[in-house]
PDB file of N, CA and C in Angstrom:
ATOM      1  N   MET A   1      -9.701 -13.694  10.422  1.00  0.00           N
ATOM      2  CA  MET A   1     -10.286 -12.963  11.516  1.00  0.00           C
ATOM      3  C   MET A   1     -11.755 -13.325  11.625  1.00  0.00           C
ATOM      4  N   ASP A   2     -12.111 -13.772  12.788  1.00  0.00           N
ATOM      5  CA  ASP A   2     -13.499 -14.145  13.033  1.00  0.00           C
ATOM      6  C   ASP A   2     -14.183 -13.222  14.035  1.00  0.00           C
ATOM      7  N   GLN A   3     -13.399 -12.546  14.827  1.00  0.00           N
ATOM      8  CA  GLN A   3     -13.959 -11.699  15.876  1.00  0.00           C
ATOM      9  C   GLN A   3     -13.639 -10.231  15.605  1.00  0.00           C
ATOM     10  N   LEU A   4     -14.490  -9.357  16.091  1.00  0.00           N
ATOM     11  CA  LEU A   4     -14.309  -7.928  15.886  1.00  0.00           C
ATOM     12  C   LEU A   4     -13.039  -7.422  16.568  1.00  0.00           C
ATOM     13  N   TYR A   5     -12.710  -7.954  17.734  1.00  0.00           N
ATOM     14  CA  TYR A   5     -11.517  -7.498  18.437  1.00  0.00           C
ATOM     15  C   TYR A   5     -10.244  -7.824  17.654  1.00  0.00           C
ATOM     16  N   GLU A   6     -10.258  -8.910  16.872  1.00  0.00           N
ATOM     17  CA  GLU A   6      -9.090  -9.235  16.049  1.00  0.00           C
ATOM     18  C   GLU A   6      -8.866  -8.160  14.991  1.00  0.00           C
ATOM     19  N   PHE A   7      -9.942  -7.697  14.398  1.00  0.00           N
ATOM     20  CA  PHE A   7      -9.842  -6.622  13.414  1.00  0.00           C
ATOM     21  C   PHE A   7      -9.270  -5.363  14.042  1.00  0.00           C
ATOM     22  N   TRP A   8      -9.787  -4.969  15.197  1.00  0.00           N
ATOM     23  CA  TRP A   8      -9.328  -3.739  15.831  1.00  0.00           C
ATOM     24  C   TRP A   8      -7.883  -3.856  16.303  1.00  0.00           C
ATOM     25  N   ASN A   9      -7.457  -5.027  16.734  1.00  0.00           N
ATOM     26  CA  ASN A   9      -6.050  -5.214  17.102  1.00  0.00           C
ATOM     27  C   ASN A   9      -5.144  -5.043  15.892  1.00  0.00           C
ATOM     28  N   LEU A  10      -5.532  -5.628  14.778  1.00  0.00           N
ATOM     29  CA  LEU A  10      -4.752  -5.484  13.553  1.00  0.00           C
ATOM     30  C   LEU A  10      -4.748  -4.035  13.076  1.00  0.00           C
ATOM     31  N   ALA A  11      -5.893  -3.374  13.129  1.00  0.00           N
ATOM     32  CA  ALA A  11      -5.977  -1.974  12.713  1.00  0.00           C
ATOM     33  C   ALA A  11      -5.081  -1.095  13.580  1.00  0.00           C
ATOM     34  N   GLY A  12      -5.026  -1.371  14.863  1.00  0.00           N
ATOM     35  CA  GLY A  12      -4.154  -0.606  15.752  1.00  0.00           C
ATOM     36  C   GLY A  12      -2.687  -0.807  15.424  1.00  0.00           C
ATOM     37  N   ALA A  13      -2.304  -2.028  15.117  1.00  0.00           N
ATOM     38  CA  ALA A  13      -0.910  -2.306  14.756  1.00  0.00           C
ATOM     39  C   ALA A  13      -0.538  -1.614  13.453  1.00  0.00           C
ATOM     40  N   VAL A  14      -1.426  -1.648  12.483  1.00  0.00           N
ATOM     41  CA  VAL A  14      -1.161  -0.980  11.205  1.00  0.00           C
ATOM     42  C   VAL A  14      -1.040   0.523  11.425  1.00  0.00           C
ATOM     43  N   ARG A  15      -1.923   1.086  12.230  1.00  0.00           N
ATOM     44  CA  ARG A  15      -1.899   2.522  12.501  1.00  0.00           C
ATOM     45  C   ARG A  15      -0.575   2.953  13.123  1.00  0.00           C
ATOM     46  N   MET A  16      -0.029   2.128  14.000  1.00  0.00           N
ATOM     47  CA  MET A  16       1.206   2.490  14.686  1.00  0.00           C
ATOM     48  C   MET A  16       2.396   2.547  13.739  1.00  0.00           C
ATOM     49  N   PHE A  17       2.422   1.709  12.718  1.00  0.00           N
ATOM     50  CA  PHE A  17       3.610   1.599  11.884  1.00  0.00           C
ATOM     51  C   PHE A  17       3.487   2.228  10.502  1.00  0.00           C
ATOM     52  N   GLN A  18       2.295   2.409   9.992  1.00  0.00           N
ATOM     53  CA  GLN A  18       2.125   2.865   8.617  1.00  0.00           C
ATOM     54  C   GLN A  18       2.701   4.259   8.386  1.00  0.00           C
ATOM     55  N   GLY A  19       2.432   5.193   9.272  1.00  0.00           N
ATOM     56  CA  GLY A  19       2.943   6.555   9.100  1.00  0.00           C
ATOM     57  C   GLY A  19       4.458   6.608   9.139  1.00  0.00           C
ATOM     58  N   ALA A  20       5.050   5.882  10.059  1.00  0.00           N
ATOM     59  CA  ALA A  20       6.508   5.873  10.166  1.00  0.00           C
ATOM     60  C   ALA A  20       7.151   5.253   8.937  1.00  0.00           C
ATOM     61  N   ILE A  21       6.581   4.191   8.434  1.00  0.00           N
ATOM     62  CA  ILE A  21       7.137   3.539   7.250  1.00  0.00           C
ATOM     63  C   ILE A  21       7.046   4.457   6.044  1.00  0.00           C
ATOM     64  N   GLN A  22       5.929   5.160   5.901  1.00  0.00           N
ATOM     65  CA  GLN A  22       5.772   6.072   4.767  1.00  0.00           C
ATOM     66  C   GLN A  22       6.779   7.217   4.856  1.00  0.00           C
ATOM     67  N   ALA A  23       6.956   7.780   6.029  1.00  0.00           N
ATOM     68  CA  ALA A  23       7.917   8.868   6.189  1.00  0.00           C
ATOM     69  C   ALA A  23       9.340   8.390   5.922  1.00  0.00           C
ATOM     70  N   MET A  24       9.677   7.196   6.395  1.00  0.00           N
ATOM     71  CA  MET A  24      11.020   6.670   6.159  1.00  0.00           C
ATOM     72  C   MET A  24      11.258   6.391   4.685  1.00  0.00           C
ATOM     73  N   SER A  25      10.255   5.897   3.982  1.00  0.00           N
ATOM     74  CA  SER A  25      10.449   5.595   2.562  1.00  0.00           C
ATOM     75  C   SER A  25      10.671   6.870   1.772  1.00  0.00           C
ATOM     76  N   ARG A  26       9.958   7.945   2.096  1.00  0.00           N
ATOM     77  CA  ARG A  26      10.147   9.212   1.380  1.00  0.00           C
ATOM     78  C   ARG A  26      11.520   9.812   1.685  1.00  0.00           C
ATOM     79  N   SER A  27      11.963   9.745   2.931  1.00  0.00           N
ATOM     80  CA  SER A  27      13.264  10.328   3.260  1.00  0.00           C
ATOM     81  C   SER A  27      14.401   9.510   2.655  1.00  0.00           C
ATOM     82  N   TYR A  28      14.268   8.196   2.635  1.00  0.00           N
ATOM     83  CA  TYR A  28      15.290   7.363   1.998  1.00  0.00           C
ATOM     84  C   TYR A  28      15.320   7.614   0.496  1.00  0.00           C
ATOM     85  N   TYR A  29      14.149   7.739  -0.106  1.00  0.00           N
ATOM     86  CA  TYR A  29      14.056   8.028  -1.538  1.00  0.00           C
ATOM     87  C   TYR A  29      14.734   9.364  -1.844  1.00  0.00           C
ATOM     88  N   ALA A  30      14.537  10.356  -0.976  1.00  0.00           N
ATOM     89  CA  ALA A  30      15.170  11.666  -1.181  1.00  0.00           C
ATOM     90  C   ALA A  30      16.689  11.558  -1.118  1.00  0.00           C
ATOM     91  N   LYS A  31      17.203  10.629  -0.326  1.00  0.00           N
ATOM     92  CA  LYS A  31      18.652  10.439  -0.230  1.00  0.00           C
ATOM     93  C   LYS A  31      19.249   9.834  -1.488  1.00  0.00           C
ATOM     94  N   ILE A  32      18.530   8.911  -2.124  1.00  0.00           N
ATOM     95  CA  ILE A  32      19.138   8.163  -3.227  1.00  0.00           C
ATOM     96  C   ILE A  32      18.930   8.799  -4.596  1.00  0.00           C
ATOM     97  N   ILE A  33      18.062   9.809  -4.703  1.00  0.00           N
ATOM     98  CA  ILE A  33      17.858  10.441  -6.010  1.00  0.00           C
ATOM     99  C   ILE A  33      18.799  11.627  -6.160  1.00  0.00           C
ATOM    100  N   PRO A  34      19.130  12.009  -7.407  1.00  0.00           N
ATOM    101  CA  PRO A  34      19.952  13.202  -7.600  1.00  0.00           C
ATOM    102  C   PRO A  34      19.184  14.454  -7.160  1.00  0.00           C
ATOM    103  N   GLY A  35      19.823  15.304  -6.400  1.00  0.00           N
ATOM    104  CA  GLY A  35      19.165  16.487  -5.853  1.00  0.00           C
ATOM    105  C   GLY A  35      18.626  17.440  -6.897  1.00  0.00           C
ATOM    106  N   TYR A  36      19.311  17.564  -8.007  1.00  0.00           N
ATOM    107  CA  TYR A  36      18.882  18.516  -9.029  1.00  0.00           C
ATOM    108  C   TYR A  36      17.684  18.022  -9.830  1.00  0.00           C
ATOM    109  N   LYS A  37      17.294  16.764  -9.659  1.00  0.00           N
ATOM    110  CA  LYS A  37      16.117  16.222 -10.348  1.00  0.00           C
ATOM    111  C   LYS A  37      15.059  15.737  -9.353  1.00  0.00           C
ATOM    112  N   SER A  38      15.073  16.268  -8.159  1.00  0.00           N
ATOM    113  CA  SER A  38      14.165  15.757  -7.129  1.00  0.00           C
ATOM    114  C   SER A  38      12.697  15.976  -7.489  1.00  0.00           C
ATOM    115  N   GLY A  39      12.367  17.074  -8.132  1.00  0.00           N
ATOM    116  CA  GLY A  39      10.978  17.319  -8.529  1.00  0.00           C
ATOM    117  C   GLY A  39      10.467  16.259  -9.485  1.00  0.00           C
ATOM    118  N   GLU A  40      11.292  15.905 -10.458  1.00  0.00           N
ATOM    119  CA  GLU A  40      10.896  14.881 -11.431  1.00  0.00           C
ATOM    120  C   GLU A  40      10.732  13.520 -10.756  1.00  0.00           C
ATOM    121  N   TYR A  41      11.687  13.177  -9.920  1.00  0.00           N
ATOM    122  CA  TYR A  41      11.645  11.869  -9.269  1.00  0.00           C
ATOM    123  C   TYR A  41      10.475  11.754  -8.294  1.00  0.00           C
ATOM    124  N   PHE A  42      10.206  12.823  -7.542  1.00  0.00           N
ATOM    125  CA  PHE A  42       9.075  12.761  -6.620  1.00  0.00           C
ATOM    126  C   PHE A  42       7.748  12.776  -7.363  1.00  0.00           C
ATOM    127  N   GLY A  43       7.699  13.388  -8.534  1.00  0.00           N
ATOM    128  CA  GLY A  43       6.497  13.309  -9.365  1.00  0.00           C
ATOM    129  C   GLY A  43       6.211  11.878  -9.779  1.00  0.00           C
ATOM    130  N   ILE A  44       7.247  11.174 -10.202  1.00  0.00           N
ATOM    131  CA  ILE A  44       7.091   9.761 -10.575  1.00  0.00           C
ATOM    132  C   ILE A  44       6.700   8.930  -9.354  1.00  0.00           C
ATOM    133  N   PHE A  45       7.308   9.233  -8.215  1.00  0.00           N
ATOM    134  CA  PHE A  45       6.998   8.536  -6.966  1.00  0.00           C
ATOM    135  C   PHE A  45       5.515   8.668  -6.623  1.00  0.00           C
ATOM    136  N   ASP A  46       4.977   9.880  -6.738  1.00  0.00           N
ATOM    137  CA  ASP A  46       3.565  10.105  -6.422  1.00  0.00           C
ATOM    138  C   ASP A  46       2.639   9.445  -7.432  1.00  0.00           C
ATOM    139  N   ILE A  47       2.997   9.500  -8.710  1.00  0.00           N
ATOM    140  CA  ILE A  47       2.173   8.850  -9.731  1.00  0.00           C
ATOM    141  C   ILE A  47       2.120   7.344  -9.497  1.00  0.00           C
ATOM    142  N   CYS A  48       3.254   6.754  -9.152  1.00  0.00           N
ATOM    143  CA  CYS A  48       3.274   5.309  -8.874  1.00  0.00           C
ATOM    144  C   CYS A  48       2.419   4.974  -7.656  1.00  0.00           C
ATOM    145  N   GLY A  49       2.449   5.824  -6.645  1.00  0.00           N
ATOM    146  CA  GLY A  49       1.626   5.594  -5.459  1.00  0.00           C
ATOM    147  C   GLY A  49       0.145   5.648  -5.774  1.00  0.00           C
ATOM    148  N   LYS A  50      -0.247   6.629  -6.566  1.00  0.00           N
ATOM    149  CA  LYS A  50      -1.658   6.743  -6.941  1.00  0.00           C
ATOM    150  C   LYS A  50      -2.072   5.591  -7.856  1.00  0.00           C
ATOM    151  N   GLY A  51      -1.179   5.180  -8.743  1.00  0.00           N
ATOM    152  CA  GLY A  51      -1.473   4.041  -9.616  1.00  0.00           C
ATOM    153  C   GLY A  51      -1.639   2.757  -8.831  1.00  0.00           C
ATOM    154  N   ALA A  52      -0.786   2.569  -7.826  1.00  0.00           N
ATOM    155  CA  ALA A  52      -0.894   1.369  -6.991  1.00  0.00           C
ATOM    156  C   ALA A  52      -2.199   1.374  -6.208  1.00  0.00           C
ATOM    157  N   SER A  53      -2.632   2.536  -5.784  1.00  0.00           N
ATOM    158  CA  SER A  53      -3.908   2.646  -5.079  1.00  0.00           C
ATOM    159  C   SER A  53      -5.065   2.229  -5.976  1.00  0.00           C
ATOM    160  N   PHE A  54      -5.041   2.671  -7.209  1.00  0.00           N
ATOM    161  CA  PHE A  54      -6.090   2.311  -8.168  1.00  0.00           C
ATOM    162  C   PHE A  54      -6.047   0.822  -8.496  1.00  0.00           C
ATOM    163  N   VAL A  55      -4.851   0.309  -8.778  1.00  0.00           N
ATOM    164  CA  VAL A  55      -4.710  -1.100  -9.159  1.00  0.00           C
ATOM    165  C   VAL A  55      -5.102  -2.015  -8.000  1.00  0.00           C
ATOM    166  N   GLY A  56      -4.726  -1.659  -6.783  1.00  0.00           N
ATOM    167  CA  GLY A  56      -5.079  -2.482  -5.626  1.00  0.00           C
ATOM    168  C   GLY A  56      -6.579  -2.565  -5.409  1.00  0.00           C
ATOM    169  N   THR A  57      -7.249  -1.428  -5.513  1.00  0.00           N
ATOM    170  CA  THR A  57      -8.701  -1.413  -5.360  1.00  0.00           C
ATOM    171  C   THR A  57      -9.378  -2.221  -6.455  1.00  0.00           C
ATOM    172  N   LEU A  58      -8.912  -2.051  -7.678  1.00  0.00           N
ATOM    173  CA  LEU A  58      -9.470  -2.795  -8.806  1.00  0.00           C
ATOM    174  C   LEU A  58      -9.250  -4.298  -8.632  1.00  0.00           C
ATOM    175  N   LEU A  59      -8.040  -4.675  -8.211  1.00  0.00           N
ATOM    176  CA  LEU A  59      -7.714  -6.086  -8.031  1.00  0.00           C
ATOM    177  C   LEU A  59      -8.609  -6.742  -6.982  1.00  0.00           C
ATOM    178  N   VAL A  60      -8.782  -6.073  -5.851  1.00  0.00           N
ATOM    179  CA  VAL A  60      -9.621  -6.636  -4.788  1.00  0.00           C
ATOM    180  C   VAL A  60     -11.060  -6.782  -5.258  1.00  0.00           C
ATOM    181  N   SER A  61     -11.579  -5.775  -5.940  1.00  0.00           N
ATOM    182  CA  SER A  61     -12.978  -5.868  -6.371  1.00  0.00           C
ATOM    183  C   SER A  61     -13.182  -6.941  -7.433  1.00  0.00           C
ATOM    184  N   VAL A  62     -12.256  -7.069  -8.381  1.00  0.00           N
ATOM    185  CA  VAL A  62     -12.403  -8.082  -9.431  1.00  0.00           C
ATOM    186  C   VAL A  62     -12.297  -9.490  -8.847  1.00  0.00           C
ATOM    187  N   ILE A  63     -11.316  -9.713  -7.985  1.00  0.00           N
ATOM    188  CA  ILE A  63     -11.137 -11.053  -7.418  1.00  0.00           C
ATOM    189  C   ILE A  63     -12.287 -11.402  -6.479  1.00  0.00           C
ATOM    190  N   THR A  64     -12.811 -10.417  -5.759  1.00  0.00           N
ATOM    191  CA  THR A  64     -13.979 -10.679  -4.917  1.00  0.00           C
ATOM    192  C   THR A  64     -15.180 -11.065  -5.770  1.00  0.00           C
ATOM    193  N   GLN A  65     -15.362 -10.393  -6.886  1.00  0.00           N
ATOM    194  CA  GLN A  65     -16.478 -10.732  -7.776  1.00  0.00           C
ATOM    195  C   GLN A  65     -16.316 -12.131  -8.374  1.00  0.00           C
ATOM    196  N   ILE A  66     -15.088 -12.484  -8.730  1.00  0.00           N
ATOM    197  CA  ILE A  66     -14.841 -13.791  -9.359  1.00  0.00           C
ATOM    198  C   ILE A  66     -14.978 -14.931  -8.354  1.00  0.00           C
ATOM    199  N   THR A  67     -14.339 -14.771  -7.193  1.00  0.00           N
ATOM    200  CA  THR A  67     -14.304 -15.869  -6.224  1.00  0.00           C
ATOM    201  C   THR A  67     -15.419 -15.805  -5.189  1.00  0.00           C
ATOM    202  N   GLY A  68     -15.921 -14.615  -4.921  1.00  0.00           N
ATOM    203  CA  GLY A  68     -16.913 -14.456  -3.865  1.00  0.00           C
ATOM    204  C   GLY A  68     -16.306 -14.487  -2.475  1.00  0.00           C
ATOM    205  N   ASN A  69     -14.977 -14.410  -2.384  1.00  0.00           N
ATOM    206  CA  ASN A  69     -14.277 -14.509  -1.107  1.00  0.00           C
ATOM    207  C   ASN A  69     -13.349 -13.307  -0.952  1.00  0.00           C
ATOM    208  N   GLN A  70     -13.619 -12.451   0.037  1.00  0.00           N
ATOM    209  CA  GLN A  70     -12.789 -11.271   0.250  1.00  0.00           C
ATOM    210  C   GLN A  70     -11.413 -11.624   0.802  1.00  0.00           C
ATOM    211  N   GLN A  71     -11.296 -12.710   1.523  1.00  0.00           N
ATOM    212  CA  GLN A  71      -9.997 -13.090   2.077  1.00  0.00           C
ATOM    213  C   GLN A  71      -9.007 -13.408   0.964  1.00  0.00           C
ATOM    214  N   ILE A  72      -9.445 -14.109  -0.054  1.00  0.00           N
ATOM    215  CA  ILE A  72      -8.578 -14.402  -1.196  1.00  0.00           C
ATOM    216  C   ILE A  72      -8.212 -13.109  -1.907  1.00  0.00           C
ATOM    217  N   ALA A  73      -9.177 -12.209  -2.035  1.00  0.00           N
ATOM    218  CA  ALA A  73      -8.931 -10.942  -2.717  1.00  0.00           C
ATOM    219  C   ALA A  73      -7.887 -10.110  -1.986  1.00  0.00           C
ATOM    220  N   VAL A  74      -7.988 -10.024  -0.676  1.00  0.00           N
ATOM    221  CA  VAL A  74      -7.011  -9.250   0.093  1.00  0.00           C
ATOM    222  C   VAL A  74      -5.647  -9.928   0.043  1.00  0.00           C
ATOM    223  N   PHE A  75      -5.615 -11.244   0.099  1.00  0.00           N
ATOM    224  CA  PHE A  75      -4.342 -11.966   0.004  1.00  0.00           C
ATOM    225  C   PHE A  75      -3.668 -11.719  -1.341  1.00  0.00           C
ATOM    226  N   SER A  76      -4.459 -11.527  -2.391  1.00  0.00           N
ATOM    227  CA  SER A  76      -3.883 -11.292  -3.717  1.00  0.00           C
ATOM    228  C   SER A  76      -3.094  -9.990  -3.779  1.00  0.00           C
ATOM    229  N   LEU A  77      -3.309  -9.095  -2.842  1.00  0.00           N
ATOM    230  CA  LEU A  77      -2.547  -7.846  -2.810  1.00  0.00           C
ATOM    231  C   LEU A  77      -1.089  -8.064  -2.430  1.00  0.00           C
ATOM    232  N   SER A  78      -0.770  -9.207  -1.863  1.00  0.00           N
ATOM    233  CA  SER A  78       0.595  -9.444  -1.391  1.00  0.00           C
ATOM    234  C   SER A  78       1.620  -9.362  -2.515  1.00  0.00           C
ATOM    235  N   PHE A  79       1.217  -9.656  -3.749  1.00  0.00           N
ATOM    236  CA  PHE A  79       2.184  -9.572  -4.845  1.00  0.00           C
ATOM    237  C   PHE A  79       2.605  -8.130  -5.105  1.00  0.00           C
ATOM    238  N   MET A  80       1.817  -7.152  -4.678  1.00  0.00           N
ATOM    239  CA  MET A  80       2.169  -5.745  -4.903  1.00  0.00           C
ATOM    240  C   MET A  80       3.307  -5.290  -3.988  1.00  0.00           C
ATOM    241  N   PHE A  81       3.645  -6.066  -2.998  1.00  0.00           N
ATOM    242  CA  PHE A  81       4.692  -5.683  -2.058  1.00  0.00           C
ATOM    243  C   PHE A  81       6.058  -6.244  -2.436  1.00  0.00           C
ATOM    244  N   TYR A  82       6.155  -6.870  -3.585  1.00  0.00           N
ATOM    245  CA  TYR A  82       7.439  -7.428  -4.011  1.00  0.00           C
ATOM    246  C   TYR A  82       7.985  -6.701  -5.190  1.00  0.00           C
TER     247      TYR A  82
END
């Protein structure tokens, strides 16, 4: 991205889909876990989400410091989606 409008277009696309994807993932997760242990499973789900948030931020900052390039740092987050 070289222009400001490219950033805002991408931000708009992410905004449109991020909430729906998060809601769908939680409802699908609720379907596949045993109902009598839903509290335990959702606790683990939330801990993993918070851990991923911490690890992602740490990864971007460390790689940016090492390489000096934020684009490489953001690209390195792609492994977290597999």
